[in-house]
């Protein structure tokens, strides 16, 4: 964007440009996050027995955009620890 374009821009155009810029950044973050989640699933499944493999990436790691109609539940610290123990148990049995 040149200086002349910046000076000629009204508030509506600025807000529109900022909105699309933010959408572009969010899409990039989403793409990278999906790749990391998929790679993590592959690395974990390599070490698990065939009958214990995780089938869906959403079962391993839930993102807000996986099901936008359904809100991610908020869990307390104790529930989080319990889930981590369960994943650890699966991991230990698979190795």
C-alpha atoms as a PDB file:
ATOM      1  CA  UNK A   1       0.000   0.000   0.000  1.00  0.00           C
ATOM      2  CA  UNK A   2       1.377   3.341  -0.962  1.00  0.00           C
ATOM      3  CA  UNK A   3       1.206   6.567   1.041  1.00  0.00           C
ATOM      4  CA  UNK A   4      -1.316   7.990  -1.426  1.00  0.00           C
ATOM      5  CA  UNK A   5      -3.574   4.948  -0.998  1.00  0.00           C
ATOM      6  CA  UNK A   6      -3.286   5.246   2.780  1.00  0.00           C
ATOM      7  CA  UNK A   7      -4.225   8.919   2.744  1.00  0.00           C
ATOM      8  CA  UNK A   8      -7.171   8.340   0.402  1.00  0.00           C
ATOM      9  CA  UNK A   9      -8.546   5.464   2.466  1.00  0.00           C
ATOM     10  CA  UNK A  10     -11.669   6.049   4.521  1.00  0.00           C
ATOM     11  CA  UNK A  11     -12.443   4.369   7.841  1.00  0.00           C
ATOM     12  CA  UNK A  12     -14.663   1.704   6.278  1.00  0.00           C
ATOM     13  CA  UNK A  13     -11.917   0.579   3.906  1.00  0.00           C
ATOM     14  CA  UNK A  14      -9.392   0.485   6.746  1.00  0.00           C
ATOM     15  CA  UNK A  15     -11.669  -1.702   8.858  1.00  0.00           C
ATOM     16  CA  UNK A  16     -12.298  -3.978   5.886  1.00  0.00           C
ATOM     17  CA  UNK A  17      -8.579  -4.341   5.163  1.00  0.00           C
ATOM     18  CA  UNK A  18      -7.875  -5.095   8.827  1.00  0.00           C
ATOM     19  CA  UNK A  19     -10.648  -7.688   8.908  1.00  0.00           C
ATOM     20  CA  UNK A  20      -9.325  -9.566   5.888  1.00  0.00           C
ATOM     21  CA  UNK A  21      -5.780  -9.314   7.197  1.00  0.00           C
ATOM     22  CA  UNK A  22      -6.895 -10.919  10.458  1.00  0.00           C
ATOM     23  CA  UNK A  23      -8.791 -13.644   8.592  1.00  0.00           C
ATOM     24  CA  UNK A  24      -5.656 -14.391   6.574  1.00  0.00           C
ATOM     25  CA  UNK A  25      -3.556 -14.651   9.761  1.00  0.00           C
ATOM     26  CA  UNK A  26      -6.148 -16.875  11.467  1.00  0.00           C
ATOM     27  CA  UNK A  27      -6.200 -19.201   8.452  1.00  0.00           C
ATOM     28  CA  UNK A  28      -2.416 -19.479   8.580  1.00  0.00           C
ATOM     29  CA  UNK A  29      -2.494 -20.302  12.293  1.00  0.00           C
ATOM     30  CA  UNK A  30      -5.214 -22.873  11.649  1.00  0.00           C
ATOM     31  CA  UNK A  31      -3.215 -24.530   8.869  1.00  0.00           C
ATOM     32  CA  UNK A  32      -0.073 -24.780  10.987  1.00  0.00           C
ATOM     33  CA  UNK A  33      -2.062 -26.058  13.976  1.00  0.00           C
ATOM     34  CA  UNK A  34      -3.720 -28.745  11.862  1.00  0.00           C
ATOM     35  CA  UNK A  35      -0.341 -29.883  10.546  1.00  0.00           C
ATOM     36  CA  UNK A  36       1.151 -30.074  14.038  1.00  0.00           C
ATOM     37  CA  UNK A  37      -1.860 -32.022  15.304  1.00  0.00           C
ATOM     38  CA  UNK A  38      -1.695 -34.487  12.412  1.00  0.00           C
ATOM     39  CA  UNK A  39       2.046 -35.022  12.829  1.00  0.00           C
ATOM     40  CA  UNK A  40       1.592 -35.534  16.569  1.00  0.00           C
ATOM     41  CA  UNK A  41      -1.095 -38.135  15.915  1.00  0.00           C
ATOM     42  CA  UNK A  42       1.168 -39.990  13.512  1.00  0.00           C
ATOM     43  CA  UNK A  43       4.058 -39.987  15.980  1.00  0.00           C
ATOM     44  CA  UNK A  44       1.863 -41.289  18.784  1.00  0.00           C
ATOM     45  CA  UNK A  45       0.173 -43.942  16.629  1.00  0.00           C
ATOM     46  CA  UNK A  46       3.540 -45.336  15.545  1.00  0.00           C
ATOM     47  CA  UNK A  47       4.156 -46.399  19.142  1.00  0.00           C
ATOM     48  CA  UNK A  48       0.696 -47.790  19.894  1.00  0.00           C
ATOM     49  CA  UNK A  49      -0.609 -51.277  19.288  1.00  0.00           C
ATOM     50  CA  UNK A  50      -2.901 -51.670  16.289  1.00  0.00           C
ATOM     51  CA  UNK A  51      -6.063 -51.987  18.378  1.00  0.00           C
ATOM     52  CA  UNK A  52      -5.181 -48.916  20.483  1.00  0.00           C
ATOM     53  CA  UNK A  53      -4.471 -46.470  17.680  1.00  0.00           C
ATOM     54  CA  UNK A  54      -6.295 -43.154  17.735  1.00  0.00           C
ATOM     55  CA  UNK A  55      -8.603 -42.974  14.732  1.00  0.00           C
ATOM     56  CA  UNK A  56      -9.524 -39.290  14.562  1.00  0.00           C
ATOM     57  CA  UNK A  57      -7.243 -36.329  15.180  1.00  0.00           C
ATOM     58  CA  UNK A  58     -10.038 -34.616  17.101  1.00  0.00           C
ATOM     59  CA  UNK A  59      -9.876 -37.397  19.696  1.00  0.00           C
ATOM     60  CA  UNK A  60      -6.255 -36.509  20.390  1.00  0.00           C
ATOM     61  CA  UNK A  61      -6.427 -32.734  20.328  1.00  0.00           C
ATOM     62  CA  UNK A  62      -9.603 -30.660  20.060  1.00  0.00           C
ATOM     63  CA  UNK A  63      -9.523 -27.229  18.456  1.00  0.00           C
ATOM     64  CA  UNK A  64     -12.255 -24.610  18.673  1.00  0.00           C
ATOM     65  CA  UNK A  65     -12.911 -24.756  14.942  1.00  0.00           C
ATOM     66  CA  UNK A  66     -13.414 -28.542  14.810  1.00  0.00           C
ATOM     67  CA  UNK A  67     -17.061 -28.143  15.629  1.00  0.00           C
ATOM     68  CA  UNK A  68     -17.889 -24.488  15.825  1.00  0.00           C
ATOM     69  CA  UNK A  69     -21.516 -25.187  16.724  1.00  0.00           C
ATOM     70  CA  UNK A  70     -20.364 -27.200  19.727  1.00  0.00           C
ATOM     71  CA  UNK A  71     -18.398 -25.286  22.331  1.00  0.00           C
ATOM     72  CA  UNK A  72     -15.340 -26.875  23.866  1.00  0.00           C
ATOM     73  CA  UNK A  73     -16.133 -27.794  27.418  1.00  0.00           C
ATOM     74  CA  UNK A  74     -14.216 -26.083  30.165  1.00  0.00           C
ATOM     75  CA  UNK A  75     -12.682 -28.537  32.578  1.00  0.00           C
ATOM     76  CA  UNK A  76     -11.216 -28.035  35.973  1.00  0.00           C
ATOM     77  CA  UNK A  77      -7.646 -28.886  36.917  1.00  0.00           C
ATOM     78  CA  UNK A  78      -8.545 -32.255  38.449  1.00  0.00           C
ATOM     79  CA  UNK A  79     -10.356 -33.395  35.301  1.00  0.00           C
ATOM     80  CA  UNK A  80      -7.386 -32.292  33.210  1.00  0.00           C
ATOM     81  CA  UNK A  81      -5.021 -34.357  35.359  1.00  0.00           C
ATOM     82  CA  UNK A  82      -7.319 -37.366  35.020  1.00  0.00           C
ATOM     83  CA  UNK A  83      -7.350 -37.077  31.240  1.00  0.00           C
ATOM     84  CA  UNK A  84      -3.569 -36.761  31.108  1.00  0.00           C
ATOM     85  CA  UNK A  85      -3.250 -39.897  33.285  1.00  0.00           C
ATOM     86  CA  UNK A  86      -5.593 -41.769  30.927  1.00  0.00           C
ATOM     87  CA  UNK A  87      -3.538 -40.760  27.880  1.00  0.00           C
ATOM     88  CA  UNK A  88      -0.363 -41.729  29.718  1.00  0.00           C
ATOM     89  CA  UNK A  89      -1.819 -45.159  30.534  1.00  0.00           C
ATOM     90  CA  UNK A  90      -2.687 -45.728  26.870  1.00  0.00           C
ATOM     91  CA  UNK A  91       0.807 -44.611  25.922  1.00  0.00           C
ATOM     92  CA  UNK A  92       2.455 -46.968  28.457  1.00  0.00           C
ATOM     93  CA  UNK A  93       0.387 -49.957  27.313  1.00  0.00           C
ATOM     94  CA  UNK A  94       1.208 -49.310  23.661  1.00  0.00           C
ATOM     95  CA  UNK A  95       4.982 -49.289  24.092  1.00  0.00           C
END
